[in-house]
Protein backbone atom coordinates (compact mmCIF):
# COMPACT_ATOMS: atom_id res chain seq x y z
CA GLU A 1 0.00 0.00 0.00
CA ALA A 2 1.15 3.50 -0.77
CA ALA A 3 1.81 5.87 2.09
CA ALA A 4 -0.88 8.49 2.66
CA PRO A 5 0.03 12.02 1.57
CA PRO A 6 0.73 14.53 4.36
CA ALA A 7 -2.29 16.21 5.93
CA ALA A 8 -3.21 19.28 3.98
CA ALA A 9 -5.89 21.92 3.97
CA PRO A 10 -8.12 21.56 0.87
CA LEU A 11 -8.43 24.57 -1.38
CA THR A 12 -11.23 24.64 -3.94
CA VAL A 13 -11.00 26.45 -7.25
CA GLY A 14 -14.00 26.88 -9.51
CA GLU A 15 -13.84 26.81 -13.30
CA SER A 16 -16.66 27.35 -15.72
CA SER A 17 -17.15 25.24 -18.84
CA GLN A 18 -19.88 24.22 -21.21
CA ASN A 19 -21.17 20.69 -21.42
CA GLU A 20 -22.38 18.93 -24.61
CA SER A 21 -25.86 20.39 -24.38
CA GLY A 22 -24.42 23.91 -24.24
CA ALA A 23 -25.29 24.62 -20.56
CA ASN A 24 -22.67 26.20 -18.38
CA GLU A 25 -21.30 23.88 -15.79
CA ARG A 26 -19.03 24.73 -12.88
CA ILE A 27 -16.22 22.25 -12.28
CA ILE A 28 -14.82 22.26 -8.78
CA GLN A 29 -11.28 21.09 -8.41
CA THR A 30 -9.66 20.42 -5.04
CA ILE A 31 -6.00 21.26 -4.61
CA CYS A 32 -4.11 20.20 -1.52
CA VAL A 33 -1.79 22.75 0.04
CA PRO A 34 0.50 21.43 2.80
CA LYS A 35 0.00 22.98 6.26
CA PRO A 36 2.90 24.88 7.76
CA PRO A 37 4.66 23.00 10.59
CA ALA A 38 3.20 23.59 14.04
CA VAL A 39 5.16 25.86 16.33
CA LYS A 40 6.10 23.99 19.50
CA ARG A 41 5.71 25.92 22.72
CA GLN A 42 8.23 25.30 25.44
CA ARG A 43 6.77 24.18 28.72
CA VAL A 44 7.58 26.20 31.74
CA ALA A 45 8.56 23.80 34.48
CA LYS A 46 6.45 24.20 37.59
CA PRO A 47 8.24 23.73 40.87
CA ARG A 48 7.15 20.59 42.66
CA LYS A 49 5.24 20.93 45.88
CA PRO A 50 7.36 19.83 48.84
CA LYS A 51 6.65 16.52 50.51
CA LYS A 52 4.74 16.74 53.77
CA PRO A 53 6.74 16.34 56.96
CA ARG A 54 7.09 12.95 58.59
CA THR A 55 5.85 12.27 62.08
CA GLY A 56 7.82 10.73 64.93
CA TYR A 57 5.98 7.47 64.31
CA ASN A 58 7.07 7.53 60.63
CA TYR A 59 10.73 7.78 61.66
CA PHE A 60 10.31 5.00 64.23
CA HIS A 61 8.62 2.84 61.59
CA LEU A 62 11.44 3.41 59.08
CA MET A 63 14.12 2.46 61.60
CA SER A 64 12.28 -0.53 63.08
CA ARG A 65 10.86 -2.16 59.96
CA SER A 66 13.99 -3.97 58.81
CA ILE A 67 14.60 -5.33 62.31
CA PHE A 68 11.08 -6.73 62.57
CA MET A 69 11.21 -8.11 59.02
CA ASP A 70 14.43 -10.01 59.75
CA ASP A 71 12.98 -11.28 63.03
CA LEU A 72 9.81 -12.60 61.39
CA LYS A 73 11.72 -14.13 58.48
CA GLY A 74 13.86 -15.96 61.04
CA GLN A 75 10.68 -17.34 62.61
CA GLY A 76 9.55 -18.66 59.24
CA ILE A 77 6.59 -16.33 58.59
CA MET A 78 7.52 -15.86 54.98
CA GLY A 79 4.65 -17.37 52.97
CA ASP A 80 2.20 -14.56 52.35
CA LYS A 81 3.71 -11.10 51.84
CA GLU A 82 0.50 -9.31 52.80
CA ARG A 83 0.31 -11.27 56.03
CA LEU A 84 3.99 -10.60 56.72
CA ASN A 85 3.57 -6.83 56.18
CA ALA A 86 0.44 -6.75 58.33
CA GLU A 87 2.25 -8.55 61.15
CA VAL A 88 5.29 -6.26 60.92
CA ASN A 89 3.08 -3.16 61.02
CA ARG A 90 1.09 -4.54 63.95
CA ARG A 91 4.24 -5.22 65.96
CA ILE A 92 5.76 -1.82 65.17
CA ALA A 93 2.56 -0.05 66.28
CA GLN A 94 2.44 -2.14 69.43
CA GLN A 95 6.04 -1.28 70.30
CA TRP A 96 5.45 2.44 69.57
CA ARG A 97 2.56 2.45 72.04
CA THR A 98 4.77 0.91 74.74
CA LEU A 99 7.62 3.44 74.31
CA THR A 100 7.95 6.06 77.01
CA PRO A 101 7.95 9.74 76.01
CA SER A 102 11.70 9.91 76.74
CA ASP A 103 12.27 7.01 74.33
CA LYS A 104 10.23 8.80 71.67
CA THR A 105 12.20 12.07 71.91
CA MET A 106 14.76 11.04 69.27
CA TYR A 107 11.97 10.42 66.77
CA THR A 108 9.92 13.50 67.69
CA GLU A 109 13.02 15.72 67.37
CA LYS A 110 13.56 14.40 63.86
CA ALA A 111 9.90 15.09 63.13
CA GLU A 112 10.24 18.69 64.39
CA ALA A 113 13.32 19.22 62.19
CA ASP A 114 11.42 17.82 59.22
CA LYS A 115 8.50 20.13 59.98
CA VAL A 116 10.87 23.13 59.89
CA ARG A 117 12.27 21.87 56.56
CA TYR A 118 8.75 21.55 55.17
CA GLU A 119 7.74 25.06 56.25
CA GLU A 120 10.86 26.57 54.64
CA GLU A 121 10.30 24.65 51.40
CA MET A 122 6.61 25.62 51.35
CA ARG A 123 7.54 29.29 51.82
CA ALA A 124 9.94 29.06 48.86
CA TYR A 125 7.31 27.15 46.84
CA ARG A 126 4.63 29.78 47.50
CA ASN A 127 7.05 32.58 46.55
CA ALA A 128 7.85 30.78 43.29
CA THR A 129 4.25 29.96 42.34
CA GLY A 130 2.35 32.93 43.77
CA PRO A 131 -0.84 32.79 45.81
CA PRO A 132 -3.34 29.96 45.23
CA SER A 133 -5.88 30.98 42.60
CA HIS A 134 -8.96 29.95 44.62
CA GLU A 135 -8.28 32.59 47.29
CA HIS A 136 -8.48 35.49 44.89
CA ALA A 137 -11.21 34.19 42.62
CA PRO A 138 -13.70 36.89 41.51
CA GLY A 139 -16.72 35.00 42.86
CA ASN A 140 -15.18 34.42 46.28
CA GLN A 141 -16.73 37.11 48.52
CA ASN A 142 -15.66 35.62 51.84
CA HIS A 143 -11.91 35.63 51.26
CA SER A 144 -11.39 38.45 53.80
CA GLN A 145 -13.50 36.78 56.49
CA SER A 146 -11.79 34.14 58.57
CA ARG A 147 -13.14 31.82 61.19
CA CYS A 148 -9.78 31.72 62.98
CA LEU A 149 -8.65 34.21 65.56
CA PRO A 150 -5.52 36.17 64.61
CA GLY A 151 -2.32 35.97 66.61
CA THR A 152 -0.04 33.42 68.16
CA LEU A 153 -1.02 30.84 70.73
CA ASP A 154 0.53 32.91 73.55
CA GLU A 155 -1.45 35.99 72.45
CA LEU A 156 -4.66 33.96 72.41
CA ARG A 157 -3.95 32.57 75.89
CA ALA A 158 -3.32 36.11 77.19
CA LEU A 159 -6.60 37.26 75.61
CA ALA A 160 -8.48 34.33 77.19
CA THR A 161 -6.99 35.17 80.60
CA LYS A 162 -7.91 38.83 80.15
CA LEU A 163 -11.51 37.90 79.28
CA GLY A 164 -11.70 35.40 82.16
CA ILE A 165 -12.04 32.33 79.95
CA LYS A 166 -10.75 29.17 81.58
CA LYS A 167 -9.57 26.36 79.32
């Protein structure tokens, strides 16, 4: 089979002629004119949104998982991978619940450091991308009204004390 000709925009041209009976007849001829090549637009790379911060439990899980996996493999619970993963996760959660707050400090400190990293990266991300479009949408009338009280936690506590609000 012959290859199809390149896509083209049809252009019609009309010619007049007389047929055998003497009547004028218009002959329409189609001529194919190749389309100009499409201009490719370069994509502007959007910065990726930073990953959310990990919790203390996430760090504990990452450090403990390989230990529990090796322990269970040594016991011979190797048959079903879903069952193995479920058992590992159950044991990790059980051990996390039994840890004292002083034992958890290493993991919670890592989580706090990761939270600081996330906030810095989000600040840079927002500066690079600008404000979210839904906040400044023309139909959004309530964008200036907030349900939250302004200020820091200490300022809010001082205000509650001043107003006589207990807990």
